[in-house]
N, C-alpha and C. Protein backbone atom coordinates (compact mmCIF):
# COMPACT_ATOMS: atom_id res chain seq x y z
N MET A 1 7.54 24.73 -24.93
CA MET A 1 6.83 25.56 -23.99
C MET A 1 5.55 26.13 -24.60
N SER A 2 5.60 26.48 -25.89
CA SER A 2 4.40 27.04 -26.51
C SER A 2 3.29 25.98 -26.59
N TYR A 3 3.67 24.70 -26.72
CA TYR A 3 2.68 23.63 -26.73
C TYR A 3 1.88 23.64 -25.42
N ILE A 4 2.57 23.78 -24.30
CA ILE A 4 1.90 23.80 -23.00
C ILE A 4 0.99 25.01 -22.90
N LEU A 5 1.47 26.16 -23.31
CA LEU A 5 0.66 27.38 -23.23
C LEU A 5 -0.59 27.28 -24.11
N GLN A 6 -0.45 26.65 -25.27
CA GLN A 6 -1.59 26.50 -26.17
C GLN A 6 -2.60 25.48 -25.67
N ASN A 7 -2.20 24.63 -24.76
CA ASN A 7 -3.08 23.56 -24.28
C ASN A 7 -3.39 23.66 -22.79
N LEU A 8 -3.28 24.84 -22.21
CA LEU A 8 -3.55 25.00 -20.78
C LEU A 8 -4.97 24.59 -20.40
N HIS A 9 -5.93 24.86 -21.27
CA HIS A 9 -7.31 24.50 -20.96
C HIS A 9 -7.43 22.99 -20.72
N PHE A 10 -6.76 22.23 -21.54
CA PHE A 10 -6.84 20.77 -21.43
C PHE A 10 -6.08 20.25 -20.22
N ILE A 11 -5.15 21.04 -19.73
CA ILE A 11 -4.42 20.69 -18.51
C ILE A 11 -5.28 21.02 -17.29
N PHE A 12 -5.90 22.20 -17.29
CA PHE A 12 -6.68 22.66 -16.13
C PHE A 12 -8.03 21.96 -15.99
N ILE A 13 -8.67 21.60 -17.07
CA ILE A 13 -10.08 21.23 -17.04
C ILE A 13 -10.39 20.01 -16.18
N HIS A 14 -9.47 19.09 -16.05
CA HIS A 14 -9.77 17.87 -15.30
C HIS A 14 -9.83 18.09 -13.79
N PHE A 15 -9.16 19.12 -13.29
CA PHE A 15 -9.20 19.39 -11.84
C PHE A 15 -10.60 19.81 -11.38
N PRO A 16 -11.23 20.80 -12.02
CA PRO A 16 -12.57 21.14 -11.53
C PRO A 16 -13.59 20.03 -11.73
N ILE A 17 -13.46 19.28 -12.80
CA ILE A 17 -14.41 18.18 -13.01
C ILE A 17 -14.35 17.22 -11.82
N ALA A 18 -13.15 16.80 -11.47
CA ALA A 18 -12.98 15.85 -10.37
C ALA A 18 -13.31 16.48 -9.02
N LEU A 19 -12.77 17.65 -8.75
CA LEU A 19 -12.92 18.26 -7.42
C LEU A 19 -14.37 18.67 -7.13
N LEU A 20 -15.07 19.19 -8.12
CA LEU A 20 -16.45 19.61 -7.88
C LEU A 20 -17.36 18.40 -7.68
N LEU A 21 -17.11 17.34 -8.41
CA LEU A 21 -17.88 16.11 -8.21
C LEU A 21 -17.61 15.52 -6.83
N VAL A 22 -16.35 15.46 -6.45
CA VAL A 22 -15.99 14.91 -5.14
C VAL A 22 -16.52 15.80 -4.01
N SER A 23 -16.53 17.11 -4.21
CA SER A 23 -17.10 18.02 -3.22
C SER A 23 -18.56 17.69 -2.96
N PHE A 24 -19.32 17.51 -4.04
CA PHE A 24 -20.74 17.15 -3.90
C PHE A 24 -20.89 15.81 -3.17
N LEU A 25 -20.06 14.83 -3.55
CA LEU A 25 -20.15 13.52 -2.90
C LEU A 25 -19.80 13.58 -1.41
N PHE A 26 -18.77 14.36 -1.06
CA PHE A 26 -18.44 14.53 0.36
C PHE A 26 -19.62 15.13 1.12
N ASP A 27 -20.23 16.16 0.55
CA ASP A 27 -21.35 16.81 1.26
C ASP A 27 -22.57 15.90 1.35
N LEU A 28 -22.86 15.18 0.27
CA LEU A 28 -24.00 14.28 0.28
C LEU A 28 -23.78 13.16 1.30
N LEU A 29 -22.62 12.51 1.25
CA LEU A 29 -22.34 11.43 2.20
C LEU A 29 -22.19 11.96 3.62
N GLY A 30 -21.64 13.16 3.78
CA GLY A 30 -21.55 13.77 5.10
C GLY A 30 -22.92 13.98 5.72
N SER A 31 -23.89 14.33 4.89
CA SER A 31 -25.26 14.50 5.38
C SER A 31 -25.90 13.16 5.72
N LEU A 32 -25.71 12.20 4.84
CA LEU A 32 -26.33 10.89 5.06
C LEU A 32 -25.73 10.16 6.26
N LEU A 33 -24.41 10.28 6.42
CA LEU A 33 -23.71 9.57 7.50
C LEU A 33 -23.51 10.43 8.75
N ARG A 34 -23.95 11.67 8.67
CA ARG A 34 -23.83 12.64 9.77
C ARG A 34 -22.37 12.81 10.22
N LYS A 35 -21.51 13.05 9.25
CA LYS A 35 -20.08 13.25 9.50
C LYS A 35 -19.74 14.70 9.14
N SER A 36 -19.57 15.54 10.14
CA SER A 36 -19.31 16.97 9.87
C SER A 36 -17.95 17.20 9.23
N ASP A 37 -16.98 16.33 9.52
CA ASP A 37 -15.66 16.50 8.91
C ASP A 37 -15.72 16.34 7.39
N TRP A 38 -16.68 15.56 6.92
CA TRP A 38 -16.81 15.36 5.47
C TRP A 38 -17.26 16.65 4.79
N HIS A 39 -18.02 17.47 5.51
CA HIS A 39 -18.43 18.76 4.94
C HIS A 39 -17.22 19.70 4.81
N THR A 40 -16.29 19.58 5.75
CA THR A 40 -15.05 20.37 5.64
C THR A 40 -14.27 19.95 4.41
N ALA A 41 -14.16 18.65 4.19
CA ALA A 41 -13.49 18.15 2.98
C ALA A 41 -14.23 18.60 1.73
N GLY A 42 -15.56 18.59 1.79
CA GLY A 42 -16.36 19.06 0.66
C GLY A 42 -16.12 20.52 0.36
N LEU A 43 -15.99 21.34 1.42
CA LEU A 43 -15.72 22.77 1.23
C LEU A 43 -14.34 22.98 0.60
N LEU A 44 -13.35 22.26 1.07
CA LEU A 44 -12.01 22.40 0.49
C LEU A 44 -11.98 22.00 -0.99
N CYS A 45 -12.65 20.90 -1.31
CA CYS A 45 -12.73 20.49 -2.72
C CYS A 45 -13.51 21.51 -3.54
N LEU A 46 -14.55 22.09 -2.95
CA LEU A 46 -15.33 23.11 -3.65
C LEU A 46 -14.48 24.33 -3.97
N ILE A 47 -13.70 24.80 -2.99
CA ILE A 47 -12.85 25.98 -3.22
C ILE A 47 -11.83 25.70 -4.32
N LEU A 48 -11.14 24.57 -4.22
CA LEU A 48 -10.13 24.23 -5.23
C LEU A 48 -10.76 23.97 -6.59
N GLY A 49 -11.92 23.32 -6.61
CA GLY A 49 -12.61 23.06 -7.87
C GLY A 49 -13.10 24.34 -8.53
N THR A 50 -13.56 25.28 -7.73
CA THR A 50 -14.01 26.57 -8.27
C THR A 50 -12.83 27.35 -8.84
N LEU A 51 -11.72 27.34 -8.15
CA LEU A 51 -10.52 28.00 -8.70
C LEU A 51 -10.08 27.33 -10.00
N GLY A 52 -10.18 26.01 -10.05
CA GLY A 52 -9.86 25.29 -11.28
C GLY A 52 -10.83 25.63 -12.41
N ALA A 53 -12.11 25.81 -12.07
CA ALA A 53 -13.10 26.18 -13.09
C ALA A 53 -12.81 27.57 -13.65
N ILE A 54 -12.39 28.48 -12.79
CA ILE A 54 -12.03 29.83 -13.26
C ILE A 54 -10.84 29.73 -14.21
N ALA A 55 -9.84 28.94 -13.84
CA ALA A 55 -8.67 28.76 -14.71
C ALA A 55 -9.05 28.11 -16.03
N ALA A 56 -9.95 27.12 -15.98
CA ALA A 56 -10.36 26.42 -17.20
C ALA A 56 -11.11 27.35 -18.14
N VAL A 57 -11.99 28.18 -17.59
CA VAL A 57 -12.73 29.13 -18.43
C VAL A 57 -11.79 30.19 -18.99
N ALA A 58 -10.86 30.65 -18.17
CA ALA A 58 -9.93 31.70 -18.61
C ALA A 58 -8.99 31.21 -19.71
N THR A 59 -8.73 29.91 -19.75
CA THR A 59 -7.80 29.36 -20.75
C THR A 59 -8.54 28.60 -21.84
N GLY A 60 -9.83 28.87 -22.01
CA GLY A 60 -10.65 28.15 -22.98
C GLY A 60 -10.04 28.12 -24.36
N PRO A 61 -10.40 27.11 -25.14
CA PRO A 61 -9.79 26.93 -26.45
C PRO A 61 -10.18 28.02 -27.44
N GLU A 62 -9.32 28.24 -28.41
CA GLU A 62 -9.56 29.20 -29.47
C GLU A 62 -10.13 28.52 -30.71
N ASP A 63 -10.38 27.22 -30.60
CA ASP A 63 -10.87 26.42 -31.72
C ASP A 63 -12.18 27.00 -32.24
N ARG A 64 -12.36 26.99 -33.52
CA ARG A 64 -13.61 27.49 -34.12
C ARG A 64 -14.56 26.35 -34.43
N ASN A 65 -14.70 25.43 -33.52
CA ASN A 65 -15.62 24.32 -33.64
C ASN A 65 -17.05 24.86 -33.50
N PRO A 66 -18.02 24.31 -34.25
CA PRO A 66 -19.39 24.81 -34.14
C PRO A 66 -20.00 24.63 -32.75
N LEU A 67 -19.47 23.72 -31.95
CA LEU A 67 -19.98 23.52 -30.59
C LEU A 67 -19.36 24.49 -29.58
N LEU A 68 -18.34 25.24 -30.00
CA LEU A 68 -17.63 26.10 -29.05
C LEU A 68 -18.53 27.12 -28.36
N PRO A 69 -19.41 27.84 -29.05
CA PRO A 69 -20.23 28.82 -28.32
C PRO A 69 -21.10 28.19 -27.22
N THR A 70 -21.67 27.01 -27.50
CA THR A 70 -22.49 26.34 -26.49
C THR A 70 -21.62 25.84 -25.34
N HIS A 71 -20.48 25.25 -25.67
CA HIS A 71 -19.55 24.77 -24.66
C HIS A 71 -19.08 25.93 -23.78
N GLU A 72 -18.77 27.03 -24.40
CA GLU A 72 -18.30 28.21 -23.67
C GLU A 72 -19.40 28.76 -22.76
N LEU A 73 -20.64 28.82 -23.26
CA LEU A 73 -21.76 29.30 -22.46
C LEU A 73 -21.96 28.43 -21.22
N PHE A 74 -22.01 27.11 -21.41
CA PHE A 74 -22.23 26.22 -20.27
C PHE A 74 -21.02 26.22 -19.33
N GLY A 75 -19.82 26.41 -19.86
CA GLY A 75 -18.65 26.54 -19.00
C GLY A 75 -18.74 27.76 -18.10
N LYS A 76 -19.17 28.87 -18.66
CA LYS A 76 -19.31 30.10 -17.86
C LYS A 76 -20.45 29.99 -16.85
N LEU A 77 -21.57 29.38 -17.26
CA LEU A 77 -22.67 29.17 -16.30
C LEU A 77 -22.23 28.29 -15.14
N THR A 78 -21.49 27.24 -15.45
CA THR A 78 -20.97 26.34 -14.42
C THR A 78 -20.05 27.10 -13.47
N MET A 79 -19.14 27.87 -14.03
CA MET A 79 -18.20 28.64 -13.21
C MET A 79 -18.95 29.62 -12.30
N ILE A 80 -19.92 30.34 -12.85
CA ILE A 80 -20.67 31.32 -12.06
C ILE A 80 -21.43 30.64 -10.93
N LEU A 81 -22.09 29.52 -11.24
CA LEU A 81 -22.83 28.81 -10.19
C LEU A 81 -21.90 28.37 -9.06
N PHE A 82 -20.75 27.82 -9.40
CA PHE A 82 -19.86 27.34 -8.35
C PHE A 82 -19.16 28.49 -7.61
N ILE A 83 -18.96 29.62 -8.26
CA ILE A 83 -18.46 30.80 -7.53
C ILE A 83 -19.49 31.22 -6.50
N LEU A 84 -20.76 31.26 -6.89
CA LEU A 84 -21.82 31.64 -5.95
C LEU A 84 -21.96 30.64 -4.81
N LEU A 85 -21.88 29.36 -5.12
CA LEU A 85 -21.94 28.34 -4.06
C LEU A 85 -20.76 28.45 -3.10
N THR A 86 -19.58 28.71 -3.65
CA THR A 86 -18.39 28.86 -2.80
C THR A 86 -18.52 30.07 -1.89
N LEU A 87 -18.95 31.19 -2.47
CA LEU A 87 -19.11 32.41 -1.66
C LEU A 87 -20.18 32.22 -0.58
N ALA A 88 -21.27 31.54 -0.90
CA ALA A 88 -22.32 31.29 0.09
C ALA A 88 -21.79 30.42 1.22
N ARG A 89 -21.06 29.37 0.86
CA ARG A 89 -20.52 28.49 1.91
C ARG A 89 -19.52 29.22 2.79
N LEU A 90 -18.66 30.01 2.18
CA LEU A 90 -17.67 30.75 2.97
C LEU A 90 -18.36 31.79 3.86
N PHE A 91 -19.38 32.46 3.34
CA PHE A 91 -20.12 33.44 4.14
C PHE A 91 -20.74 32.78 5.36
N TYR A 92 -21.45 31.68 5.14
CA TYR A 92 -22.09 31.01 6.28
C TYR A 92 -21.07 30.40 7.22
N ARG A 93 -19.97 29.95 6.69
CA ARG A 93 -18.94 29.32 7.52
C ARG A 93 -18.28 30.33 8.46
N PHE A 94 -17.95 31.51 7.92
CA PHE A 94 -17.18 32.46 8.71
C PHE A 94 -18.02 33.57 9.34
N ARG A 95 -19.15 33.92 8.76
CA ARG A 95 -19.99 34.97 9.34
C ARG A 95 -21.07 34.41 10.27
N LYS A 96 -21.58 33.27 9.93
CA LYS A 96 -22.68 32.68 10.71
C LYS A 96 -22.24 31.48 11.53
N SER A 97 -20.99 31.06 11.39
CA SER A 97 -20.46 29.88 12.08
C SER A 97 -21.31 28.64 11.83
N ALA A 98 -21.76 28.49 10.59
CA ALA A 98 -22.55 27.32 10.22
C ALA A 98 -22.06 26.83 8.86
N ASP A 99 -22.21 25.53 8.65
CA ASP A 99 -21.84 24.96 7.36
C ASP A 99 -23.12 24.54 6.66
N ILE A 100 -23.36 25.09 5.48
CA ILE A 100 -24.59 24.78 4.76
C ILE A 100 -24.39 23.62 3.78
N GLY A 101 -23.24 22.94 3.86
CA GLY A 101 -22.93 21.86 2.93
C GLY A 101 -23.94 20.74 2.94
N GLY A 102 -24.66 20.55 4.04
CA GLY A 102 -25.64 19.47 4.12
C GLY A 102 -27.07 19.94 3.93
N ALA A 103 -27.27 21.24 3.72
CA ALA A 103 -28.62 21.77 3.54
C ALA A 103 -29.21 21.28 2.22
N PRO A 104 -30.47 20.88 2.23
CA PRO A 104 -31.09 20.38 1.00
C PRO A 104 -31.04 21.38 -0.16
N VAL A 105 -31.21 22.65 0.12
CA VAL A 105 -31.17 23.67 -0.94
C VAL A 105 -29.76 23.73 -1.54
N TYR A 106 -28.75 23.70 -0.68
CA TYR A 106 -27.37 23.72 -1.18
C TYR A 106 -27.09 22.47 -2.01
N LEU A 107 -27.48 21.30 -1.50
CA LEU A 107 -27.23 20.05 -2.23
C LEU A 107 -27.95 20.03 -3.58
N ALA A 108 -29.15 20.59 -3.63
CA ALA A 108 -29.88 20.65 -4.90
C ALA A 108 -29.15 21.57 -5.89
N ALA A 109 -28.67 22.72 -5.40
CA ALA A 109 -27.93 23.64 -6.27
C ALA A 109 -26.62 23.01 -6.73
N ALA A 110 -25.95 22.29 -5.83
CA ALA A 110 -24.70 21.62 -6.20
C ALA A 110 -24.96 20.51 -7.21
N LEU A 111 -26.09 19.81 -7.08
CA LEU A 111 -26.43 18.77 -8.05
C LEU A 111 -26.68 19.38 -9.44
N ILE A 112 -27.32 20.53 -9.47
CA ILE A 112 -27.50 21.25 -10.74
C ILE A 112 -26.13 21.59 -11.31
N GLY A 113 -25.22 22.02 -10.44
CA GLY A 113 -23.85 22.33 -10.88
C GLY A 113 -23.15 21.11 -11.44
N ILE A 114 -23.35 19.95 -10.82
CA ILE A 114 -22.73 18.72 -11.31
C ILE A 114 -23.30 18.37 -12.69
N CYS A 115 -24.60 18.58 -12.87
CA CYS A 115 -25.20 18.35 -14.19
C CYS A 115 -24.60 19.30 -15.22
N LEU A 116 -24.38 20.55 -14.84
CA LEU A 116 -23.75 21.51 -15.75
C LEU A 116 -22.32 21.09 -16.09
N VAL A 117 -21.57 20.67 -15.09
CA VAL A 117 -20.20 20.19 -15.32
C VAL A 117 -20.22 19.02 -16.30
N SER A 118 -21.13 18.09 -16.08
CA SER A 118 -21.21 16.91 -16.93
C SER A 118 -21.56 17.27 -18.37
N TYR A 119 -22.53 18.15 -18.55
CA TYR A 119 -22.93 18.52 -19.91
C TYR A 119 -21.84 19.33 -20.60
N THR A 120 -21.20 20.22 -19.87
CA THR A 120 -20.10 20.99 -20.44
C THR A 120 -18.97 20.08 -20.86
N GLY A 121 -18.64 19.11 -20.01
CA GLY A 121 -17.61 18.14 -20.35
C GLY A 121 -18.00 17.29 -21.56
N HIS A 122 -19.28 16.95 -21.64
CA HIS A 122 -19.76 16.19 -22.80
C HIS A 122 -19.55 17.00 -24.08
N LEU A 123 -19.92 18.28 -24.04
CA LEU A 123 -19.72 19.13 -25.22
C LEU A 123 -18.24 19.24 -25.58
N GLY A 124 -17.39 19.39 -24.57
CA GLY A 124 -15.94 19.45 -24.82
C GLY A 124 -15.43 18.17 -25.44
N GLY A 125 -15.93 17.04 -24.95
CA GLY A 125 -15.54 15.76 -25.52
C GLY A 125 -16.00 15.62 -26.96
N GLN A 126 -17.19 16.10 -27.25
CA GLN A 126 -17.69 16.08 -28.62
C GLN A 126 -16.79 16.92 -29.53
N MET A 127 -16.33 18.05 -29.02
CA MET A 127 -15.47 18.93 -29.81
C MET A 127 -14.14 18.27 -30.12
N VAL A 128 -13.61 17.53 -29.17
CA VAL A 128 -12.28 16.96 -29.33
C VAL A 128 -12.31 15.61 -30.03
N HIS A 129 -13.30 14.78 -29.73
CA HIS A 129 -13.25 13.39 -30.18
C HIS A 129 -14.20 13.03 -31.31
N LYS A 130 -15.07 13.91 -31.70
CA LYS A 130 -15.99 13.62 -32.80
C LYS A 130 -15.53 14.33 -34.05
N GLN A 131 -16.18 14.01 -35.17
CA GLN A 131 -15.81 14.62 -36.43
C GLN A 131 -16.09 16.12 -36.40
N ARG A 132 -15.21 16.85 -37.03
CA ARG A 132 -15.34 18.30 -37.16
C ARG A 132 -15.48 18.64 -38.63
N PRO A 133 -16.10 19.76 -38.92
CA PRO A 133 -16.14 20.17 -40.32
C PRO A 133 -14.73 20.54 -40.79
N ALA A 134 -14.40 20.14 -41.99
CA ALA A 134 -13.08 20.43 -42.55
C ALA A 134 -12.99 21.89 -42.94
N VAL A 135 -11.88 22.52 -42.60
CA VAL A 135 -11.61 23.89 -43.00
C VAL A 135 -10.47 23.85 -44.00
N PRO A 136 -10.73 24.26 -45.25
CA PRO A 136 -9.67 24.19 -46.27
C PRO A 136 -8.42 24.93 -45.83
N GLY A 137 -7.29 24.26 -45.96
CA GLY A 137 -6.01 24.88 -45.64
C GLY A 137 -5.65 24.89 -44.18
N LYS A 138 -6.52 24.34 -43.31
CA LYS A 138 -6.21 24.32 -41.87
C LYS A 138 -5.87 22.90 -41.45
N PRO A 139 -4.61 22.65 -41.08
CA PRO A 139 -4.24 21.30 -40.62
C PRO A 139 -4.99 20.94 -39.35
N GLY A 140 -5.35 19.69 -39.24
CA GLY A 140 -6.02 19.23 -38.02
C GLY A 140 -7.52 19.38 -38.05
N SER A 141 -8.06 20.00 -39.10
CA SER A 141 -9.52 20.10 -39.18
C SER A 141 -10.04 18.90 -39.94
N GLY A 142 -11.29 18.66 -39.84
CA GLY A 142 -11.88 17.52 -40.52
C GLY A 142 -12.03 16.35 -39.58
N PRO A 143 -12.38 15.19 -40.12
CA PRO A 143 -12.66 14.03 -39.27
C PRO A 143 -11.45 13.61 -38.45
N VAL A 144 -11.72 13.12 -37.25
CA VAL A 144 -10.68 12.57 -36.40
C VAL A 144 -10.39 11.17 -36.90
N ARG A 145 -9.12 10.88 -37.14
CA ARG A 145 -8.72 9.60 -37.71
C ARG A 145 -8.43 8.62 -36.57
N PRO A 146 -9.16 7.48 -36.54
CA PRO A 146 -8.86 6.48 -35.52
C PRO A 146 -7.50 5.84 -35.78
N PRO A 147 -6.84 5.33 -34.74
CA PRO A 147 -5.53 4.71 -34.94
C PRO A 147 -5.61 3.55 -35.94
N GLY A 148 -4.73 3.57 -36.93
CA GLY A 148 -4.66 2.49 -37.90
C GLY A 148 -5.81 2.45 -38.88
N GLY A 149 -6.58 3.51 -38.97
CA GLY A 149 -7.72 3.49 -39.88
C GLY A 149 -7.96 4.83 -40.52
N SER A 150 -8.94 4.86 -41.36
CA SER A 150 -9.31 6.10 -42.02
C SER A 150 -10.55 6.65 -41.34
N PRO A 151 -10.93 7.89 -41.60
CA PRO A 151 -12.12 8.46 -40.97
C PRO A 151 -13.38 7.66 -41.25
N SER A 152 -13.42 6.93 -42.37
CA SER A 152 -14.61 6.15 -42.70
C SER A 152 -14.69 4.85 -41.91
N GLY A 153 -13.61 4.49 -41.21
CA GLY A 153 -13.58 3.26 -40.44
C GLY A 153 -12.93 2.11 -41.18
N ASN A 154 -12.61 2.33 -42.46
CA ASN A 154 -11.91 1.30 -43.24
C ASN A 154 -10.44 1.32 -42.89
N PRO A 155 -9.77 0.19 -42.97
CA PRO A 155 -8.35 0.17 -42.65
C PRO A 155 -7.56 1.07 -43.60
N ALA A 156 -6.53 1.65 -43.07
CA ALA A 156 -5.64 2.48 -43.88
C ALA A 156 -4.92 1.57 -44.88
N PRO A 157 -4.54 2.12 -46.03
CA PRO A 157 -3.90 1.28 -47.05
C PRO A 157 -2.67 0.54 -46.54
N ASN A 158 -1.89 1.12 -45.65
CA ASN A 158 -0.66 0.49 -45.16
C ASN A 158 -0.85 -0.26 -43.85
N ALA A 159 -2.07 -0.33 -43.37
CA ALA A 159 -2.32 -0.99 -42.08
C ALA A 159 -2.21 -2.50 -42.24
N PRO A 160 -1.63 -3.17 -41.22
CA PRO A 160 -1.51 -4.63 -41.32
C PRO A 160 -2.89 -5.27 -41.24
N ALA A 161 -3.04 -6.38 -41.93
CA ALA A 161 -4.32 -7.09 -41.92
C ALA A 161 -4.55 -7.69 -40.54
N VAL A 162 -5.79 -7.63 -40.08
CA VAL A 162 -6.16 -8.18 -38.78
C VAL A 162 -6.87 -9.50 -39.02
N LYS A 163 -6.35 -10.55 -38.41
CA LYS A 163 -6.94 -11.87 -38.57
C LYS A 163 -8.10 -12.03 -37.59
N SER A 164 -9.19 -12.59 -38.07
CA SER A 164 -10.32 -12.81 -37.18
C SER A 164 -10.12 -14.14 -36.45
N SER A 165 -10.72 -14.26 -35.30
CA SER A 165 -10.55 -15.47 -34.47
C SER A 165 -11.59 -16.53 -34.80
N THR A 166 -12.41 -16.32 -35.81
CA THR A 166 -13.44 -17.31 -36.14
C THR A 166 -12.99 -18.30 -37.17
């Protein structure tokens, strides 16, 4: 159970990435194809994606990776932007009886949000999958070891020899 609690960020993070991207795509295609129902789907994905972004930021990693402050900053900026977009859409939907999902200004702001999501995810991927500085006495720090190899890319001493097809 403690493993799950320690890794909640990695469980939550994929929902907002997918839902916010799909929300933008529904709204963009809804505008291009003039399908109002697609804007409703876009709004639902936006609400769920924003809730997922809040959960992902709230459960952010405690890792002391040098990229963490930048990743954390862009994660919070992404969350704030999508909270504002969600509140604006809900306001116009229920107070003004209009859906702004197809408005060019909304789509431009959502595209900026998608760029933020992408860059934040890139930084997170760099933190998890690239080499990290080694911290003496801390297990799991240092270079990420590829399967069957050493951090330098050379085969591990006990790894079976791989025959070439040439």
